[in-house]
């Protein structure tokens, strides 16, 4: 009987877990910094809706420091200027303006 309760407990607990992953390769189509919050906003193509309720191919990047936000902006600008692709690390939450919330960025070939 205790195994049954333990199994039910694990099932309930697993329903509260959050998904986090890298996107597939995305093409940056537009980028800017939002004036009020200084958030980095990235528009992409080649993606999908990864979290229910978030906008397709729209990303808000949040950083815990100005230096990190600057590096993320520079990485996205490098991808836009060079035509290289990026990957974004996301969890299953929507950020600013119901955009996907990204916390890391990777430049890829």
PDB file of N, CA and C in Angstrom:
ATOM      1  N   UNK A   1       0.818  -1.198   0.000  1.00  0.00           N
ATOM      2  CA  UNK A   1       0.000   0.000   0.000  1.00  0.00           C
ATOM      3  C   UNK A   1       0.865   1.267   0.000  1.00  0.00           C
ATOM      4  N   UNK A   2       1.979   1.211   0.725  1.00  0.00           N
ATOM      5  CA  UNK A   2       2.844   2.390   0.765  1.00  0.00           C
ATOM      6  C   UNK A   2       3.458   2.670  -0.607  1.00  0.00           C
ATOM      7  N   UNK A   3       3.684   1.634  -1.417  1.00  0.00           N
ATOM      8  CA  UNK A   3       4.200   1.830  -2.767  1.00  0.00           C
ATOM      9  C   UNK A   3       3.187   2.557  -3.639  1.00  0.00           C
ATOM     10  N   UNK A   4       1.913   2.274  -3.440  1.00  0.00           N
ATOM     11  CA  UNK A   4       0.857   2.941  -4.200  1.00  0.00           C
ATOM     12  C   UNK A   4       0.826   4.427  -3.845  1.00  0.00           C
ATOM     13  N   UNK A   5       0.871   4.740  -2.560  1.00  0.00           N
ATOM     14  CA  UNK A   5       0.857   6.146  -2.141  1.00  0.00           C
ATOM     15  C   UNK A   5       2.114   6.868  -2.626  1.00  0.00           C
ATOM     16  N   UNK A   6       3.243   6.196  -2.557  1.00  0.00           N
ATOM     17  CA  UNK A   6       4.488   6.786  -3.031  1.00  0.00           C
ATOM     18  C   UNK A   6       4.410   7.059  -4.536  1.00  0.00           C
ATOM     19  N   UNK A   7       3.850   6.136  -5.301  1.00  0.00           N
ATOM     20  CA  UNK A   7       3.697   6.316  -6.745  1.00  0.00           C
ATOM     21  C   UNK A   7       2.771   7.484  -7.057  1.00  0.00           C
ATOM     22  N   UNK A   8       1.691   7.587  -6.325  1.00  0.00           N
ATOM     23  CA  UNK A   8       0.760   8.709  -6.514  1.00  0.00           C
ATOM     24  C   UNK A   8       1.450  10.021  -6.164  1.00  0.00           C
ATOM     25  N   UNK A   9       2.213  10.023  -5.082  1.00  0.00           N
ATOM     26  CA  UNK A   9       2.951  11.214  -4.662  1.00  0.00           C
ATOM     27  C   UNK A   9       3.917  11.651  -5.763  1.00  0.00           C
ATOM     28  N   UNK A  10       4.668  10.715  -6.339  1.00  0.00           N
ATOM     29  CA  UNK A  10       5.606  11.049  -7.404  1.00  0.00           C
ATOM     30  C   UNK A  10       4.887  11.575  -8.643  1.00  0.00           C
ATOM     31  N   UNK A  11       3.745  11.008  -8.973  1.00  0.00           N
ATOM     32  CA  UNK A  11       2.968  11.476 -10.116  1.00  0.00           C
ATOM     33  C   UNK A  11       2.505  12.911  -9.901  1.00  0.00           C
ATOM     34  N   UNK A  12       1.980  13.206  -8.735  1.00  0.00           N
ATOM     35  CA  UNK A  12       1.516  14.563  -8.425  1.00  0.00           C
ATOM     36  C   UNK A  12       2.693  15.530  -8.425  1.00  0.00           C
ATOM     37  N   UNK A  13       3.794  15.125  -7.831  1.00  0.00           N
ATOM     38  CA  UNK A  13       4.971  15.979  -7.790  1.00  0.00           C
ATOM     39  C   UNK A  13       5.495  16.251  -9.191  1.00  0.00           C
ATOM     40  N   UNK A  14       5.479  15.270 -10.057  1.00  0.00           N
ATOM     41  CA  UNK A  14       5.992  15.457 -11.412  1.00  0.00           C
ATOM     42  C   UNK A  14       5.133  16.415 -12.225  1.00  0.00           C
ATOM     43  N   UNK A  15       3.875  16.556 -11.889  1.00  0.00           N
ATOM     44  CA  UNK A  15       3.011  17.477 -12.628  1.00  0.00           C
ATOM     45  C   UNK A  15       3.366  18.928 -12.338  1.00  0.00           C
ATOM     46  N   UNK A  16       4.137  19.171 -11.260  1.00  0.00           N
ATOM     47  CA  UNK A  16       4.540  20.528 -10.922  1.00  0.00           C
ATOM     48  C   UNK A  16       5.941  20.859 -11.428  1.00  0.00           C
ATOM     49  N   UNK A  17       6.601  19.939 -12.092  1.00  0.00           N
ATOM     50  CA  UNK A  17       7.943  20.204 -12.592  1.00  0.00           C
ATOM     51  C   UNK A  17       7.866  21.106 -13.824  1.00  0.00           C
ATOM     52  N   UNK A  18       8.922  21.839 -14.044  1.00  0.00           N
ATOM     53  CA  UNK A  18       8.951  22.774 -15.154  1.00  0.00           C
ATOM     54  C   UNK A  18       9.940  22.295 -16.208  1.00  0.00           C
ATOM     55  N   UNK A  19       9.575  22.492 -17.445  1.00  0.00           N
ATOM     56  CA  UNK A  19      10.451  22.110 -18.544  1.00  0.00           C
ATOM     57  C   UNK A  19      11.408  23.268 -18.818  1.00  0.00           C
ATOM     58  N   UNK A  20      12.621  22.929 -19.138  1.00  0.00           N
ATOM     59  CA  UNK A  20      13.606  23.915 -19.546  1.00  0.00           C
ATOM     60  C   UNK A  20      14.485  23.259 -20.596  1.00  0.00           C
ATOM     61  N   UNK A  21      14.801  24.011 -21.642  1.00  0.00           N
ATOM     62  CA  UNK A  21      15.552  23.405 -22.733  1.00  0.00           C
ATOM     63  C   UNK A  21      16.106  24.484 -23.646  1.00  0.00           C
ATOM     64  N   UNK A  22      17.014  24.066 -24.539  1.00  0.00           N
ATOM     65  CA  UNK A  22      17.481  24.924 -25.617  1.00  0.00           C
ATOM     66  C   UNK A  22      16.519  24.806 -26.789  1.00  0.00           C
ATOM     67  N   UNK A  23      16.313  25.901 -27.484  1.00  0.00           N
ATOM     68  CA  UNK A  23      15.536  25.874 -28.720  1.00  0.00           C
ATOM     69  C   UNK A  23      16.370  25.198 -29.796  1.00  0.00           C
ATOM     70  N   UNK A  24      15.739  24.827 -30.896  1.00  0.00           N
ATOM     71  CA  UNK A  24      16.538  24.469 -32.066  1.00  0.00           C
ATOM     72  C   UNK A  24      17.182  25.749 -32.620  1.00  0.00           C
ATOM     73  N   UNK A  25      17.967  25.632 -33.667  1.00  0.00           N
ATOM     74  CA  UNK A  25      18.605  26.808 -34.269  1.00  0.00           C
ATOM     75  C   UNK A  25      17.535  27.779 -34.775  1.00  0.00           C
ATOM     76  N   UNK A  26      17.696  29.049 -34.417  1.00  0.00           N
ATOM     77  CA  UNK A  26      16.751  30.097 -34.811  1.00  0.00           C
ATOM     78  C   UNK A  26      17.494  31.193 -35.564  1.00  0.00           C
ATOM     79  N   UNK A  27      16.800  31.829 -36.489  1.00  0.00           N
ATOM     80  CA  UNK A  27      17.343  32.968 -37.222  1.00  0.00           C
ATOM     81  C   UNK A  27      16.825  34.252 -36.589  1.00  0.00           C
ATOM     82  N   UNK A  28      17.727  35.150 -36.243  1.00  0.00           N
ATOM     83  CA  UNK A  28      17.337  36.446 -35.673  1.00  0.00           C
ATOM     84  C   UNK A  28      16.865  37.342 -36.810  1.00  0.00           C
ATOM     85  N   UNK A  29      15.651  37.875 -36.670  1.00  0.00           N
ATOM     86  CA  UNK A  29      15.120  38.764 -37.707  1.00  0.00           C
ATOM     87  C   UNK A  29      15.094  40.229 -37.259  1.00  0.00           C
ATOM     88  N   UNK A  30      15.079  40.439 -35.947  1.00  0.00           N
ATOM     89  CA  UNK A  30      14.998  41.797 -35.409  1.00  0.00           C
ATOM     90  C   UNK A  30      15.386  41.739 -33.934  1.00  0.00           C
ATOM     91  N   UNK A  31      15.985  42.827 -33.427  1.00  0.00           N
ATOM     92  CA  UNK A  31      16.335  42.896 -32.016  1.00  0.00           C
ATOM     93  C   UNK A  31      16.294  44.351 -31.563  1.00  0.00           C
ATOM     94  N   UNK A  32      15.863  44.565 -30.327  1.00  0.00           N
ATOM     95  CA  UNK A  32      15.930  45.905 -29.747  1.00  0.00           C
ATOM     96  C   UNK A  32      15.899  45.802 -28.227  1.00  0.00           C
ATOM     97  N   UNK A  33      16.200  46.907 -27.579  1.00  0.00           N
ATOM     98  CA  UNK A  33      16.059  46.959 -26.127  1.00  0.00           C
ATOM     99  C   UNK A  33      14.836  47.799 -25.811  1.00  0.00           C
ATOM    100  N   UNK A  34      13.995  47.265 -24.966  1.00  0.00           N
ATOM    101  CA  UNK A  34      12.759  47.943 -24.575  1.00  0.00           C
ATOM    102  C   UNK A  34      13.121  49.060 -23.606  1.00  0.00           C
ATOM    103  N   UNK A  35      12.572  50.242 -23.840  1.00  0.00           N
ATOM    104  CA  UNK A  35      12.967  51.429 -23.093  1.00  0.00           C
ATOM    105  C   UNK A  35      12.687  51.419 -21.604  1.00  0.00           C
ATOM    106  N   UNK A  36      11.520  50.980 -21.197  1.00  0.00           N
ATOM    107  CA  UNK A  36      11.137  51.079 -19.795  1.00  0.00           C
ATOM    108  C   UNK A  36      11.877  50.074 -18.912  1.00  0.00           C
ATOM    109  N   UNK A  37      12.019  48.853 -19.371  1.00  0.00           N
ATOM    110  CA  UNK A  37      12.640  47.812 -18.555  1.00  0.00           C
ATOM    111  C   UNK A  37      14.065  47.488 -18.982  1.00  0.00           C
ATOM    112  N   UNK A  38      14.495  48.003 -20.135  1.00  0.00           N
ATOM    113  CA  UNK A  38      15.797  47.701 -20.718  1.00  0.00           C
ATOM    114  C   UNK A  38      15.947  46.221 -21.043  1.00  0.00           C
ATOM    115  N   UNK A  39      14.817  45.540 -21.254  1.00  0.00           N
ATOM    116  CA  UNK A  39      14.849  44.131 -21.632  1.00  0.00           C
ATOM    117  C   UNK A  39      15.319  44.003 -23.075  1.00  0.00           C
ATOM    118  N   UNK A  40      16.024  42.926 -23.372  1.00  0.00           N
ATOM    119  CA  UNK A  40      16.436  42.632 -24.741  1.00  0.00           C
ATOM    120  C   UNK A  40      15.303  41.851 -25.398  1.00  0.00           C
ATOM    121  N   UNK A  41      14.779  42.370 -26.488  1.00  0.00           N
ATOM    122  CA  UNK A  41      13.690  41.741 -27.214  1.00  0.00           C
ATOM    123  C   UNK A  41      14.253  41.197 -28.523  1.00  0.00           C
ATOM    124  N   UNK A  42      14.012  39.901 -28.763  1.00  0.00           N
ATOM    125  CA  UNK A  42      14.563  39.236 -29.945  1.00  0.00           C
ATOM    126  C   UNK A  42      13.415  38.603 -30.726  1.00  0.00           C
ATOM    127  N   UNK A  43      13.368  38.919 -32.010  1.00  0.00           N
ATOM    128  CA  UNK A  43      12.403  38.290 -32.909  1.00  0.00           C
ATOM    129  C   UNK A  43      13.160  37.294 -33.774  1.00  0.00           C
ATOM    130  N   UNK A  44      12.588  36.115 -33.954  1.00  0.00           N
ATOM    131  CA  UNK A  44      13.264  35.057 -34.704  1.00  0.00           C
ATOM    132  C   UNK A  44      12.330  34.445 -35.742  1.00  0.00           C
ATOM    133  N   UNK A  45      12.904  33.617 -36.589  1.00  0.00           N
ATOM    134  CA  UNK A  45      12.112  32.770 -37.471  1.00  0.00           C
ATOM    135  C   UNK A  45      12.658  31.357 -37.336  1.00  0.00           C
ATOM    136  N   UNK A  46      11.836  30.401 -37.717  1.00  0.00           N
ATOM    137  CA  UNK A  46      12.253  29.013 -37.657  1.00  0.00           C
ATOM    138  C   UNK A  46      11.925  28.322 -36.350  1.00  0.00           C
ATOM    139  N   UNK A  47      11.193  29.006 -35.498  1.00  0.00           N
ATOM    140  CA  UNK A  47      10.855  28.416 -34.208  1.00  0.00           C
ATOM    141  C   UNK A  47       9.417  27.961 -34.133  1.00  0.00           C
ATOM    142  N   UNK A  48       8.962  27.794 -32.926  1.00  0.00           N
ATOM    143  CA  UNK A  48       7.609  27.330 -32.695  1.00  0.00           C
ATOM    144  C   UNK A  48       7.142  27.892 -31.368  1.00  0.00           C
ATOM    145  N   UNK A  49       5.970  27.526 -30.934  1.00  0.00           N
ATOM    146  CA  UNK A  49       5.491  27.910 -29.597  1.00  0.00           C
ATOM    147  C   UNK A  49       5.951  26.820 -28.637  1.00  0.00           C
ATOM    148  N   UNK A  50       6.865  27.161 -27.766  1.00  0.00           N
ATOM    149  CA  UNK A  50       7.444  26.186 -26.845  1.00  0.00           C
ATOM    150  C   UNK A  50       6.689  26.126 -25.529  1.00  0.00           C
ATOM    151  N   UNK A  51       5.980  27.181 -25.218  1.00  0.00           N
ATOM    152  CA  UNK A  51       5.200  27.255 -23.982  1.00  0.00           C
ATOM    153  C   UNK A  51       3.812  27.775 -24.322  1.00  0.00           C
ATOM    154  N   UNK A  52       2.801  27.073 -23.900  1.00  0.00           N
ATOM    155  CA  UNK A  52       1.429  27.484 -24.173  1.00  0.00           C
ATOM    156  C   UNK A  52       1.197  28.908 -23.662  1.00  0.00           C
ATOM    157  N   UNK A  53       0.640  29.738 -24.522  1.00  0.00           N
ATOM    158  CA  UNK A  53       0.332  31.114 -24.151  1.00  0.00           C
ATOM    159  C   UNK A  53       1.387  32.119 -24.582  1.00  0.00           C
ATOM    160  N   UNK A  54       2.549  31.655 -25.011  1.00  0.00           N
ATOM    161  CA  UNK A  54       3.610  32.560 -25.460  1.00  0.00           C
ATOM    162  C   UNK A  54       3.491  32.791 -26.967  1.00  0.00           C
ATOM    163  N   UNK A  55       3.982  33.940 -27.409  1.00  0.00           N
ATOM    164  CA  UNK A  55       3.932  34.306 -28.827  1.00  0.00           C
ATOM    165  C   UNK A  55       4.975  33.547 -29.643  1.00  0.00           C
ATOM    166  N   UNK A  56       4.614  33.168 -30.837  1.00  0.00           N
ATOM    167  CA  UNK A  56       5.489  32.459 -31.761  1.00  0.00           C
ATOM    168  C   UNK A  56       6.673  33.331 -32.173  1.00  0.00           C
ATOM    169  N   UNK A  57       7.890  32.809 -32.016  1.00  0.00           N
ATOM    170  CA  UNK A  57       9.125  33.460 -32.468  1.00  0.00           C
ATOM    171  C   UNK A  57       9.410  34.809 -31.826  1.00  0.00           C
ATOM    172  N   UNK A  58       8.806  35.112 -30.695  1.00  0.00           N
ATOM    173  CA  UNK A  58       9.060  36.353 -29.980  1.00  0.00           C
ATOM    174  C   UNK A  58       9.671  36.023 -28.622  1.00  0.00           C
ATOM    175  N   UNK A  59      10.776  36.708 -28.281  1.00  0.00           N
ATOM    176  CA  UNK A  59      11.532  36.393 -27.079  1.00  0.00           C
ATOM    177  C   UNK A  59      11.845  37.642 -26.274  1.00  0.00           C
ATOM    178  N   UNK A  60      11.738  37.536 -24.963  1.00  0.00           N
ATOM    179  CA  UNK A  60      12.267  38.572 -24.075  1.00  0.00           C
ATOM    180  C   UNK A  60      13.394  37.917 -23.281  1.00  0.00           C
ATOM    181  N   UNK A  61      14.534  38.599 -23.240  1.00  0.00           N
ATOM    182  CA  UNK A  61      15.699  38.060 -22.558  1.00  0.00           C
ATOM    183  C   UNK A  61      15.869  38.794 -21.246  1.00  0.00           C
ATOM    184  N   UNK A  62      15.908  38.049 -20.167  1.00  0.00           N
ATOM    185  CA  UNK A  62      16.127  38.689 -18.871  1.00  0.00           C
ATOM    186  C   UNK A  62      17.504  38.317 -18.362  1.00  0.00           C
ATOM    187  N   UNK A  63      18.173  39.277 -17.760  1.00  0.00           N
ATOM    188  CA  UNK A  63      19.512  39.073 -17.226  1.00  0.00           C
ATOM    189  C   UNK A  63      19.590  39.665 -15.828  1.00  0.00           C
ATOM    190  N   UNK A  64      20.474  39.108 -15.034  1.00  0.00           N
ATOM    191  CA  UNK A  64      20.604  39.572 -13.658  1.00  0.00           C
ATOM    192  C   UNK A  64      21.631  40.689 -13.496  1.00  0.00           C
ATOM    193  N   UNK A  65      22.238  41.129 -14.601  1.00  0.00           N
ATOM    194  CA  UNK A  65      23.183  42.251 -14.514  1.00  0.00           C
ATOM    195  C   UNK A  65      23.227  42.980 -15.856  1.00  0.00           C
ATOM    196  N   UNK A  66      23.663  44.221 -15.812  1.00  0.00           N
ATOM    197  CA  UNK A  66      23.796  45.000 -17.046  1.00  0.00           C
ATOM    198  C   UNK A  66      24.833  44.383 -17.973  1.00  0.00           C
ATOM    199  N   UNK A  67      25.925  43.859 -17.408  1.00  0.00           N
ATOM    200  CA  UNK A  67      26.979  43.254 -18.229  1.00  0.00           C
ATOM    201  C   UNK A  67      26.443  42.026 -18.966  1.00  0.00           C
ATOM    202  N   UNK A  68      25.691  41.208 -18.279  1.00  0.00           N
ATOM    203  CA  UNK A  68      25.138  40.003 -18.909  1.00  0.00           C
ATOM    204  C   UNK A  68      24.114  40.372 -19.989  1.00  0.00           C
ATOM    205  N   UNK A  69      23.293  41.368 -19.718  1.00  0.00           N
ATOM    206  CA  UNK A  69      22.321  41.838 -20.704  1.00  0.00           C
ATOM    207  C   UNK A  69      23.052  42.375 -21.937  1.00  0.00           C
ATOM    208  N   UNK A  70      24.140  43.093 -21.734  1.00  0.00           N
ATOM    209  CA  UNK A  70      24.934  43.617 -22.847  1.00  0.00           C
ATOM    210  C   UNK A  70      25.545  42.508 -23.686  1.00  0.00           C
ATOM    211  N   UNK A  71      26.037  41.452 -23.031  1.00  0.00           N
ATOM    212  CA  UNK A  71      26.598  40.318 -23.778  1.00  0.00           C
ATOM    213  C   UNK A  71      25.513  39.610 -24.588  1.00  0.00           C
ATOM    214  N   UNK A  72      24.341  39.464 -24.018  1.00  0.00           N
ATOM    215  CA  UNK A  72      23.237  38.820 -24.741  1.00  0.00           C
ATOM    216  C   UNK A  72      22.833  39.656 -25.955  1.00  0.00           C
ATOM    217  N   UNK A  73      22.751  40.973 -25.769  1.00  0.00           N
ATOM    218  CA  UNK A  73      22.404  41.866 -26.873  1.00  0.00           C
ATOM    219  C   UNK A  73      23.468  41.781 -27.970  1.00  0.00           C
ATOM    220  N   UNK A  74      24.739  41.775 -27.577  1.00  0.00           N
ATOM    221  CA  UNK A  74      25.840  41.686 -28.547  1.00  0.00           C
ATOM    222  C   UNK A  74      25.802  40.367 -29.309  1.00  0.00           C
ATOM    223  N   UNK A  75      25.492  39.282 -28.617  1.00  0.00           N
ATOM    224  CA  UNK A  75      25.408  37.973 -29.269  1.00  0.00           C
ATOM    225  C   UNK A  75      24.281  37.953 -30.294  1.00  0.00           C
ATOM    226  N   UNK A  76      23.130  38.480 -29.914  1.00  0.00           N
ATOM    227  CA  UNK A  76      21.994  38.519 -30.838  1.00  0.00           C
ATOM    228  C   UNK A  76      22.296  39.440 -32.023  1.00  0.00           C
ATOM    229  N   UNK A  77      22.964  40.571 -31.774  1.00  0.00           N
ATOM    230  CA  UNK A  77      23.332  41.486 -32.862  1.00  0.00           C
ATOM    231  C   UNK A  77      24.337  40.833 -33.801  1.00  0.00           C
ATOM    232  N   UNK A  78      25.285  40.081 -33.248  1.00  0.00           N
ATOM    233  CA  UNK A  78      26.264  39.371 -34.083  1.00  0.00           C
ATOM    234  C   UNK A  78      25.558  38.371 -34.989  1.00  0.00           C
ATOM    235  N   UNK A  79      24.568  37.680 -34.457  1.00  0.00           N
ATOM    236  CA  UNK A  79      23.805  36.716 -35.262  1.00  0.00           C
ATOM    237  C   UNK A  79      23.033  37.431 -36.360  1.00  0.00           C
ATOM    238  N   UNK A  80      22.425  38.552 -36.023  1.00  0.00           N
ATOM    239  CA  UNK A  80      21.661  39.314 -37.011  1.00  0.00           C
ATOM    240  C   UNK A  80      22.579  39.825 -38.129  1.00  0.00           C
ATOM    241  N   UNK A  81      23.727  40.377 -37.756  1.00  0.00           N
ATOM    242  CA  UNK A  81      24.640  40.966 -38.727  1.00  0.00           C
ATOM    243  C   UNK A  81      25.334  39.908 -39.594  1.00  0.00           C
ATOM    244  N   UNK A  82      25.620  38.752 -39.019  1.00  0.00           N
ATOM    245  CA  UNK A  82      26.389  37.728 -39.740  1.00  0.00           C
ATOM    246  C   UNK A  82      25.527  36.677 -40.439  1.00  0.00           C
ATOM    247  N   UNK A  83      24.257  36.610 -40.051  1.00  0.00           N
ATOM    248  CA  UNK A  83      23.391  35.581 -40.612  1.00  0.00           C
ATOM    249  C   UNK A  83      23.518  34.243 -39.903  1.00  0.00           C
ATOM    250  N   UNK A  84      24.306  34.202 -38.813  1.00  0.00           N
ATOM    251  CA  UNK A  84      24.420  32.962 -38.046  1.00  0.00           C
ATOM    252  C   UNK A  84      23.165  32.776 -37.211  1.00  0.00           C
ATOM    253  N   UNK A  85      23.003  31.589 -36.709  1.00  0.00           N
ATOM    254  CA  UNK A  85      21.808  31.256 -35.930  1.00  0.00           C
ATOM    255  C   UNK A  85      22.124  31.281 -34.443  1.00  0.00           C
ATOM    256  N   UNK A  86      21.054  31.315 -33.655  1.00  0.00           N
ATOM    257  CA  UNK A  86      21.189  31.285 -32.203  1.00  0.00           C
ATOM    258  C   UNK A  86      20.319  30.163 -31.641  1.00  0.00           C
ATOM    259  N   UNK A  87      20.587  29.818 -30.425  1.00  0.00           N
ATOM    260  CA  UNK A  87      19.707  28.983 -29.610  1.00  0.00           C
ATOM    261  C   UNK A  87      19.452  29.751 -28.329  1.00  0.00           C
ATOM    262  N   UNK A  88      18.249  29.635 -27.814  1.00  0.00           N
ATOM    263  CA  UNK A  88      17.873  30.319 -26.576  1.00  0.00           C
ATOM    264  C   UNK A  88      17.464  29.289 -25.530  1.00  0.00           C
ATOM    265  N   UNK A  89      17.890  29.509 -24.295  1.00  0.00           N
ATOM    266  CA  UNK A  89      17.494  28.661 -23.173  1.00  0.00           C
ATOM    267  C   UNK A  89      16.199  29.237 -22.613  1.00  0.00           C
ATOM    268  N   UNK A  90      15.201  28.397 -22.477  1.00  0.00           N
ATOM    269  CA  UNK A  90      13.897  28.860 -22.003  1.00  0.00           C
ATOM    270  C   UNK A  90      13.334  27.869 -20.987  1.00  0.00           C
ATOM    271  N   UNK A  91      12.388  28.346 -20.208  1.00  0.00           N
ATOM    272  CA  UNK A  91      11.602  27.470 -19.340  1.00  0.00           C
ATOM    273  C   UNK A  91      10.150  27.634 -19.747  1.00  0.00           C
ATOM    274  N   UNK A  92       9.269  26.988 -19.066  1.00  0.00           N
ATOM    275  CA  UNK A  92       7.868  27.028 -19.504  1.00  0.00           C
ATOM    276  C   UNK A  92       7.099  28.191 -18.890  1.00  0.00           C
ATOM    277  N   UNK A  93       7.697  29.377 -18.979  1.00  0.00           N
ATOM    278  CA  UNK A  93       6.997  30.589 -18.548  1.00  0.00           C
ATOM    279  C   UNK A  93       7.079  31.622 -19.665  1.00  0.00           C
ATOM    280  N   UNK A  94       6.082  32.450 -19.731  1.00  0.00           N
ATOM    281  CA  UNK A  94       6.097  33.567 -20.660  1.00  0.00           C
ATOM    282  C   UNK A  94       6.624  34.787 -19.916  1.00  0.00           C
ATOM    283  N   UNK A  95       7.314  35.633 -20.630  1.00  0.00           N
ATOM    284  CA  UNK A  95       7.877  36.836 -20.027  1.00  0.00           C
ATOM    285  C   UNK A  95       7.096  38.068 -20.430  1.00  0.00           C
ATOM    286  N   UNK A  96       7.820  39.139 -20.604  1.00  0.00           N
ATOM    287  CA  UNK A  96       7.278  40.426 -20.997  1.00  0.00           C
ATOM    288  C   UNK A  96       6.429  40.290 -22.260  1.00  0.00           C
ATOM    289  N   UNK A  97       5.243  40.853 -22.276  1.00  0.00           N
ATOM    290  CA  UNK A  97       4.323  40.886 -23.421  1.00  0.00           C
ATOM    291  C   UNK A  97       3.918  39.488 -23.882  1.00  0.00           C
ATOM    292  N   UNK A  98       3.932  38.514 -23.019  1.00  0.00           N
ATOM    293  CA  UNK A  98       3.643  37.111 -23.350  1.00  0.00           C
ATOM    294  C   UNK A  98       4.620  36.537 -24.366  1.00  0.00           C
ATOM    295  N   UNK A  99       5.822  37.081 -24.401  1.00  0.00           N
ATOM    296  CA  UNK A  99       6.892  36.526 -25.221  1.00  0.00           C
ATOM    297  C   UNK A  99       7.533  35.382 -24.449  1.00  0.00           C
ATOM    298  N   UNK A 100       8.155  34.458 -25.164  1.00  0.00           N
ATOM    299  CA  UNK A 100       8.921  33.414 -24.499  1.00  0.00           C
ATOM    300  C   UNK A 100      10.008  34.072 -23.659  1.00  0.00           C
ATOM    301  N   UNK A 101      10.267  33.542 -22.490  1.00  0.00           N
ATOM    302  CA  UNK A 101      11.279  34.086 -21.588  1.00  0.00           C
ATOM    303  C   UNK A 101      12.586  33.312 -21.772  1.00  0.00           C
ATOM    304  N   UNK A 102      13.623  33.971 -22.223  1.00  0.00           N
ATOM    305  CA  UNK A 102      14.934  33.356 -22.404  1.00  0.00           C
ATOM    306  C   UNK A 102      15.891  33.876 -21.341  1.00  0.00           C
ATOM    307  N   UNK A 103      16.786  33.005 -20.909  1.00  0.00           N
ATOM    308  CA  UNK A 103      17.770  33.425 -19.899  1.00  0.00           C
ATOM    309  C   UNK A 103      19.210  33.179 -20.348  1.00  0.00           C
ATOM    310  N   UNK A 104      19.408  32.483 -21.463  1.00  0.00           N
ATOM    311  CA  UNK A 104      20.754  32.267 -22.019  1.00  0.00           C
ATOM    312  C   UNK A 104      20.639  32.261 -23.531  1.00  0.00           C
ATOM    313  N   UNK A 105      21.749  32.627 -24.173  1.00  0.00           N
ATOM    314  CA  UNK A 105      21.790  32.681 -25.637  1.00  0.00           C
ATOM    315  C   UNK A 105      23.095  32.040 -26.111  1.00  0.00           C
ATOM    316  N   UNK A 106      22.998  31.300 -27.220  1.00  0.00           N
ATOM    317  CA  UNK A 106      24.153  30.616 -27.793  1.00  0.00           C
ATOM    318  C   UNK A 106      24.207  30.934 -29.285  1.00  0.00           C
ATOM    319  N   UNK A 107      25.366  31.354 -29.760  1.00  0.00           N
ATOM    320  CA  UNK A 107      25.575  31.605 -31.188  1.00  0.00           C
ATOM    321  C   UNK A 107      26.056  30.313 -31.832  1.00  0.00           C
ATOM    322  N   UNK A 108      25.414  29.883 -32.926  1.00  0.00           N
ATOM    323  CA  UNK A 108      25.770  28.635 -33.590  1.00  0.00           C
ATOM    324  C   UNK A 108      25.975  28.885 -35.087  1.00  0.00           C
ATOM    325  N   UNK A 109      26.688  27.972 -35.749  1.00  0.00           N
ATOM    326  CA  UNK A 109      26.916  28.084 -37.203  1.00  0.00           C
ATOM    327  C   UNK A 109      25.666  27.747 -37.958  1.00  0.00           C
TER     328      UNK A 109
END
